Amino acid sequence: MCLLSLLCGAKRKGSFYCFADIDDQSGIMGFSIEQGTYIFAPLPEMADNDHMSPYLLTCGSWVLVAGYIFGHTKELLQVTIWEFEKENVHSSSSSWWKEIARMPPSLSEDFKRISMNCSKWCIGVGDCTCFIVSGQGNRKFRKVAEVVVYSVTENAWSWLPSRPVDTTSSSSEECYELAMAFEPRLDMKVE
């Protein structure tokens, strides 16, 4: 049985990629729009009883899977990024993915602490992968979102500045964050 998740799609150089589950194996399905062919690449294997919450992204010319790795106790262990290597599709499944980055310990410990019991997601913008945490803090003074950015071309991790929200005023409302990546940019001039 094949189950496709078209909500998590990415397009790159004439191919469309989406998550798929085939015979109880999760992976990405790649469709060549020009050639009318497809491939299936299982997701990277996890150690022991760990599991991944994956995000399929295109960043620049790369097709990536960014994953929040959780242990058997559902504790966030690591944030990892893999590059899909389409040219290796006909070899063993382990060579379809190349791990290109792990969040460094200096950021990872803060990210784990901040993201506990919060919503987490990931988007690709240009050559950057953005890891977003929302809903943290107490009701009196909480931040809208915390974002860690990984630049694929610079191989560098950094925090984006955050803006606290004062929820003590009588006009305060719950705030919900949603991040979207637009390509081309919304401020692009059209002639």
C-alpha atoms as a PDB file:
ATOM      1  CA  MET A   1       0.000   0.000   0.000  1.00  0.00           C
ATOM      2  CA  CYS A   2       1.234   3.483  -0.828  1.00  0.00           C
ATOM      3  CA  LEU A   3       0.228   6.572   1.107  1.00  0.00           C
ATOM      4  CA  LEU A   4       1.402   9.920  -0.235  1.00  0.00           C
ATOM      5  CA  SER A   5       1.503  13.133   1.733  1.00  0.00           C
ATOM      6  CA  LEU A   6       1.187  15.838  -0.891  1.00  0.00           C
ATOM      7  CA  LEU A   7       1.038  18.539   1.786  1.00  0.00           C
ATOM      8  CA  CYS A   8       4.772  18.084   2.343  1.00  0.00           C
ATOM      9  CA  GLY A   9       5.942  18.526  -1.224  1.00  0.00           C
ATOM     10  CA  ALA A  10       9.010  20.135  -2.715  1.00  0.00           C
ATOM     11  CA  LYS A  11       9.863  20.897  -6.344  1.00  0.00           C
ATOM     12  CA  ARG A  12      13.379  21.086  -7.727  1.00  0.00           C
ATOM     13  CA  LYS A  13      14.792  21.020 -11.260  1.00  0.00           C
ATOM     14  CA  GLY A  14      11.835  19.373 -12.972  1.00  0.00           C
ATOM     15  CA  SER A  15      11.062  16.918 -10.187  1.00  0.00           C
ATOM     16  CA  PHE A  16       8.421  16.895  -7.465  1.00  0.00           C
ATOM     17  CA  TYR A  17       9.160  15.251  -4.108  1.00  0.00           C
ATOM     18  CA  CYS A  18       6.736  14.249  -1.361  1.00  0.00           C
ATOM     19  CA  PHE A  19       6.628  11.985   1.671  1.00  0.00           C
ATOM     20  CA  ALA A  20       5.348   8.458   1.057  1.00  0.00           C
ATOM     21  CA  ASP A  21       4.779   5.289   3.056  1.00  0.00           C
ATOM     22  CA  ILE A  22       5.258   2.114   1.017  1.00  0.00           C
ATOM     23  CA  ASP A  23       5.029  -1.317   2.642  1.00  0.00           C
ATOM     24  CA  ASP A  24       5.399   0.203   6.126  1.00  0.00           C
ATOM     25  CA  GLN A  25       8.548   2.068   5.111  1.00  0.00           C
ATOM     26  CA  SER A  26       8.616   5.875   5.199  1.00  0.00           C
ATOM     27  CA  GLY A  27      10.539   7.794   2.603  1.00  0.00           C
ATOM     28  CA  ILE A  28      10.278  10.348  -0.152  1.00  0.00           C
ATOM     29  CA  MET A  29       8.820   9.744  -3.579  1.00  0.00           C
ATOM     30  CA  GLY A  30      10.408  11.695  -6.398  1.00  0.00           C
ATOM     31  CA  PHE A  31       8.497  12.260  -9.635  1.00  0.00           C
ATOM     32  CA  SER A  32      10.339  13.434 -12.733  1.00  0.00           C
ATOM     33  CA  ILE A  33       7.875  15.764 -14.427  1.00  0.00           C
ATOM     34  CA  GLU A  34       9.839  15.740 -17.703  1.00  0.00           C
ATOM     35  CA  GLN A  35      10.587  11.995 -17.934  1.00  0.00           C
ATOM     36  CA  GLY A  36       7.399  10.656 -16.338  1.00  0.00           C
ATOM     37  CA  THR A  37       9.329   8.396 -13.942  1.00  0.00           C
ATOM     38  CA  TYR A  38       9.493   8.077 -10.163  1.00  0.00           C
ATOM     39  CA  ILE A  39      11.838   6.863  -7.437  1.00  0.00           C
ATOM     40  CA  PHE A  40      11.326   5.950  -3.791  1.00  0.00           C
ATOM     41  CA  ALA A  41      14.054   6.652  -1.222  1.00  0.00           C
ATOM     42  CA  PRO A  42      13.525   5.457   2.368  1.00  0.00           C
ATOM     43  CA  LEU A  43      14.196   8.069   5.044  1.00  0.00           C
ATOM     44  CA  PRO A  44      17.524   7.852   6.900  1.00  0.00           C
ATOM     45  CA  GLU A  45      17.586   5.084   9.501  1.00  0.00           C
ATOM     46  CA  MET A  46      17.393   5.985  13.181  1.00  0.00           C
ATOM     47  CA  ALA A  47      19.391   4.376  15.976  1.00  0.00           C
ATOM     48  CA  ASP A  48      17.731   1.967  18.430  1.00  0.00           C
ATOM     49  CA  ASN A  49      14.198   3.099  19.325  1.00  0.00           C
ATOM     50  CA  ASP A  50      14.677   6.701  18.206  1.00  0.00           C
ATOM     51  CA  HIS A  51      12.193   8.215  15.786  1.00  0.00           C
ATOM     52  CA  MET A  52      12.179  11.284  13.587  1.00  0.00           C
ATOM     53  CA  SER A  53       9.680  14.047  12.927  1.00  0.00           C
ATOM     54  CA  PRO A  54      10.810  14.858   9.346  1.00  0.00           C
ATOM     55  CA  TYR A  55      10.348  17.960   7.205  1.00  0.00           C
ATOM     56  CA  LEU A  56      10.910  17.878   3.442  1.00  0.00           C
ATOM     57  CA  LEU A  57      12.514  21.088   2.167  1.00  0.00           C
ATOM     58  CA  THR A  58      14.144  22.640  -0.836  1.00  0.00           C
ATOM     59  CA  CYS A  59      16.899  25.070   0.055  1.00  0.00           C
ATOM     60  CA  GLY A  60      18.595  26.600  -2.942  1.00  0.00           C
ATOM     61  CA  SER A  61      19.444  23.646  -5.190  1.00  0.00           C
ATOM     62  CA  TRP A  62      19.243  21.059  -2.392  1.00  0.00           C
ATOM     63  CA  VAL A  63      16.446  18.662  -1.484  1.00  0.00           C
ATOM     64  CA  LEU A  64      16.722  18.166   2.272  1.00  0.00           C
ATOM     65  CA  VAL A  65      15.070  16.292   5.088  1.00  0.00           C
ATOM     66  CA  ALA A  66      15.376  18.127   8.366  1.00  0.00           C
ATOM     67  CA  GLY A  67      14.459  16.040  11.343  1.00  0.00           C
ATOM     68  CA  TYR A  68      13.718  16.449  15.000  1.00  0.00           C
ATOM     69  CA  ILE A  69      15.087  13.209  16.490  1.00  0.00           C
ATOM     70  CA  PHE A  70      13.251  11.907  19.563  1.00  0.00           C
ATOM     71  CA  GLY A  71      14.225   9.103  21.917  1.00  0.00           C
ATOM     72  CA  HIS A  72      11.917   6.381  23.176  1.00  0.00           C
ATOM     73  CA  THR A  73      10.885   8.700  26.055  1.00  0.00           C
ATOM     74  CA  LYS A  74       9.772  11.317  23.469  1.00  0.00           C
ATOM     75  CA  GLU A  75      12.552  13.647  24.587  1.00  0.00           C
ATOM     76  CA  LEU A  76      14.143  15.736  21.819  1.00  0.00           C
ATOM     77  CA  LEU A  77      17.637  14.343  21.308  1.00  0.00           C
ATOM     78  CA  GLN A  78      18.959  16.078  18.212  1.00  0.00           C
ATOM     79  CA  VAL A  79      18.154  18.250  15.208  1.00  0.00           C
ATOM     80  CA  THR A  80      19.721  16.843  12.035  1.00  0.00           C
ATOM     81  CA  ILE A  81      19.703  17.720   8.318  1.00  0.00           C
ATOM     82  CA  TRP A  82      20.231  15.243   5.475  1.00  0.00           C
ATOM     83  CA  GLU A  83      20.723  15.988   1.776  1.00  0.00           C
ATOM     84  CA  PHE A  84      19.010  13.750  -0.775  1.00  0.00           C
ATOM     85  CA  GLU A  85      21.552  12.536  -3.319  1.00  0.00           C
ATOM     86  CA  LYS A  86      19.483  11.665  -6.372  1.00  0.00           C
ATOM     87  CA  GLU A  87      22.516  10.533  -8.363  1.00  0.00           C
ATOM     88  CA  ASN A  88      22.957   7.627  -5.888  1.00  0.00           C
ATOM     89  CA  VAL A  89      19.397   6.305  -6.255  1.00  0.00           C
ATOM     90  CA  HIS A  90      20.468   3.042  -7.864  1.00  0.00           C
ATOM     91  CA  SER A  91      22.910   2.126  -5.085  1.00  0.00           C
ATOM     92  CA  SER A  92      22.170   1.025  -1.497  1.00  0.00           C
ATOM     93  CA  SER A  93      19.512   2.976   0.402  1.00  0.00           C
ATOM     94  CA  SER A  94      21.988   4.282   2.979  1.00  0.00           C
ATOM     95  CA  SER A  95      23.817   6.262   0.293  1.00  0.00           C
ATOM     96  CA  TRP A  96      20.657   8.108  -0.799  1.00  0.00           C
ATOM     97  CA  TRP A  97      21.096  10.428   2.175  1.00  0.00           C
ATOM     98  CA  LYS A  98      24.116  12.377   3.302  1.00  0.00           C
ATOM     99  CA  GLU A  99      24.026  13.927   6.758  1.00  0.00           C
ATOM    100  CA  ILE A 100      25.154  17.503   6.239  1.00  0.00           C
ATOM    101  CA  ALA A 101      24.548  19.091   9.642  1.00  0.00           C
ATOM    102  CA  ARG A 102      23.654  18.560  13.289  1.00  0.00           C
ATOM    103  CA  MET A 103      22.723  21.378  15.584  1.00  0.00           C
ATOM    104  CA  PRO A 104      25.845  22.083  17.662  1.00  0.00           C
ATOM    105  CA  PRO A 105      25.690  21.357  21.418  1.00  0.00           C
ATOM    106  CA  SER A 106      25.935  25.065  22.279  1.00  0.00           C
ATOM    107  CA  LEU A 107      22.621  25.739  20.487  1.00  0.00           C
ATOM    108  CA  SER A 108      21.089  22.317  20.955  1.00  0.00           C
ATOM    109  CA  GLU A 109      20.855  22.459  24.756  1.00  0.00           C
ATOM    110  CA  ASP A 110      19.059  25.840  24.684  1.00  0.00           C
ATOM    111  CA  PHE A 111      16.832  24.672  21.825  1.00  0.00           C
ATOM    112  CA  LYS A 112      15.847  21.510  23.732  1.00  0.00           C
ATOM    113  CA  ARG A 113      15.049  23.514  26.877  1.00  0.00           C
ATOM    114  CA  ILE A 114      13.030  26.143  24.999  1.00  0.00           C
ATOM    115  CA  SER A 115      11.153  23.640  22.835  1.00  0.00           C
ATOM    116  CA  MET A 116       9.924  21.422  25.671  1.00  0.00           C
ATOM    117  CA  ASN A 117       6.098  21.087  25.407  1.00  0.00           C
ATOM    118  CA  CYS A 118       5.981  23.518  22.479  1.00  0.00           C
ATOM    119  CA  SER A 119       5.085  23.384  18.803  1.00  0.00           C
ATOM    120  CA  LYS A 120       8.057  22.823  16.513  1.00  0.00           C
ATOM    121  CA  TRP A 121       8.297  23.002  12.760  1.00  0.00           C
ATOM    122  CA  CYS A 122      10.777  23.709  10.007  1.00  0.00           C
ATOM    123  CA  ILE A 123      10.824  25.616   6.706  1.00  0.00           C
ATOM    124  CA  GLY A 124      13.361  26.242   3.954  1.00  0.00           C
ATOM    125  CA  VAL A 125      14.000  29.796   2.746  1.00  0.00           C
ATOM    126  CA  GLY A 126      16.634  30.366   0.079  1.00  0.00           C
ATOM    127  CA  ASP A 127      19.711  28.457   1.261  1.00  0.00           C
ATOM    128  CA  CYS A 128      18.565  28.458   4.893  1.00  0.00           C
ATOM    129  CA  THR A 129      16.692  25.947   7.021  1.00  0.00           C
ATOM    130  CA  CYS A 130      14.699  27.547   9.834  1.00  0.00           C
ATOM    131  CA  PHE A 131      13.784  25.560  12.956  1.00  0.00           C
ATOM    132  CA  ILE A 132      10.894  27.279  14.707  1.00  0.00           C
ATOM    133  CA  VAL A 133       9.547  26.863  18.254  1.00  0.00           C
ATOM    134  CA  SER A 134       6.383  28.618  19.376  1.00  0.00           C
ATOM    135  CA  GLY A 135       4.185  28.782  22.431  1.00  0.00           C
ATOM    136  CA  GLN A 136       6.922  28.871  25.038  1.00  0.00           C
ATOM    137  CA  GLY A 137       7.054  30.746  28.292  1.00  0.00           C
ATOM    138  CA  ASN A 138       4.442  31.678  30.829  1.00  0.00           C
ATOM    139  CA  ARG A 139       1.229  33.578  30.064  1.00  0.00           C
ATOM    140  CA  LYS A 140       2.438  36.816  31.641  1.00  0.00           C
ATOM    141  CA  PHE A 141       5.360  37.299  29.317  1.00  0.00           C
ATOM    142  CA  ARG A 142       6.066  34.940  26.471  1.00  0.00           C
ATOM    143  CA  LYS A 143       7.855  35.158  23.177  1.00  0.00           C
ATOM    144  CA  VAL A 144       6.142  34.861  19.828  1.00  0.00           C
ATOM    145  CA  ALA A 145       8.660  32.400  18.421  1.00  0.00           C
ATOM    146  CA  GLU A 146      12.242  31.300  18.702  1.00  0.00           C
ATOM    147  CA  VAL A 147      14.045  30.476  15.458  1.00  0.00           C
ATOM    148  CA  VAL A 148      17.365  28.749  14.836  1.00  0.00           C
ATOM    149  CA  VAL A 149      18.681  29.125  11.285  1.00  0.00           C
ATOM    150  CA  TYR A 150      21.121  26.861   9.476  1.00  0.00           C
ATOM    151  CA  SER A 151      22.776  28.280   6.327  1.00  0.00           C
ATOM    152  CA  VAL A 152      23.594  25.427   3.954  1.00  0.00           C
ATOM    153  CA  THR A 153      26.145  27.434   1.948  1.00  0.00           C
ATOM    154  CA  GLU A 154      27.929  28.854   4.998  1.00  0.00           C
ATOM    155  CA  ASN A 155      27.560  25.719   7.159  1.00  0.00           C
ATOM    156  CA  ALA A 156      26.625  28.030  10.047  1.00  0.00           C
ATOM    157  CA  TRP A 157      23.954  27.974  12.791  1.00  0.00           C
ATOM    158  CA  SER A 158      22.508  31.054  14.510  1.00  0.00           C
ATOM    159  CA  TRP A 159      19.537  32.303  16.518  1.00  0.00           C
ATOM    160  CA  LEU A 160      17.245  34.919  15.024  1.00  0.00           C
ATOM    161  CA  PRO A 161      16.258  37.774  17.347  1.00  0.00           C
ATOM    162  CA  SER A 162      12.922  37.185  19.082  1.00  0.00           C
ATOM    163  CA  ARG A 163      10.232  39.649  20.053  1.00  0.00           C
ATOM    164  CA  PRO A 164       8.529  39.184  23.404  1.00  0.00           C
ATOM    165  CA  VAL A 165       4.793  39.698  23.621  1.00  0.00           C
ATOM    166  CA  ASP A 166       3.329  41.432  26.665  1.00  0.00           C
ATOM    167  CA  THR A 167       0.197  39.457  27.484  1.00  0.00           C
ATOM    168  CA  THR A 168      -0.562  41.391  30.692  1.00  0.00           C
ATOM    169  CA  SER A 169      -2.591  44.072  28.903  1.00  0.00           C
ATOM    170  CA  SER A 170      -6.367  43.675  28.823  1.00  0.00           C
ATOM    171  CA  SER A 171      -6.379  43.624  25.025  1.00  0.00           C
ATOM    172  CA  SER A 172      -4.002  40.699  24.778  1.00  0.00           C
ATOM    173  CA  GLU A 173      -5.092  37.752  22.721  1.00  0.00           C
ATOM    174  CA  GLU A 174      -3.607  34.371  22.125  1.00  0.00           C
ATOM    175  CA  CYS A 175      -1.067  34.642  19.390  1.00  0.00           C
ATOM    176  CA  TYR A 176      -0.406  31.926  16.893  1.00  0.00           C
ATOM    177  CA  GLU A 177       2.563  31.862  14.603  1.00  0.00           C
ATOM    178  CA  LEU A 178       2.716  30.466  11.121  1.00  0.00           C
ATOM    179  CA  ALA A 179       5.786  30.612   8.946  1.00  0.00           C
ATOM    180  CA  MET A 180       5.663  30.452   5.174  1.00  0.00           C
ATOM    181  CA  ALA A 181       8.478  30.416   2.667  1.00  0.00           C
ATOM    182  CA  PHE A 182       7.819  32.358  -0.516  1.00  0.00           C
ATOM    183  CA  GLU A 183       9.899  31.961  -3.643  1.00  0.00           C
ATOM    184  CA  PRO A 184      10.042  34.266  -5.459  1.00  0.00           C
ATOM    185  CA  ARG A 185      10.055  36.793  -2.657  1.00  0.00           C
ATOM    186  CA  LEU A 186       6.887  38.754  -1.933  1.00  0.00           C
ATOM    187  CA  ASP A 187       8.759  42.029  -2.346  1.00  0.00           C
ATOM    188  CA  MET A 188      10.117  41.062  -5.784  1.00  0.00           C
ATOM    189  CA  LYS A 189       9.547  43.621  -8.536  1.00  0.00           C
ATOM    190  CA  VAL A 190       7.565  42.343 -11.492  1.00  0.00           C
ATOM    191  CA  GLU A 191       8.185  44.132 -14.761  1.00  0.00           C
END
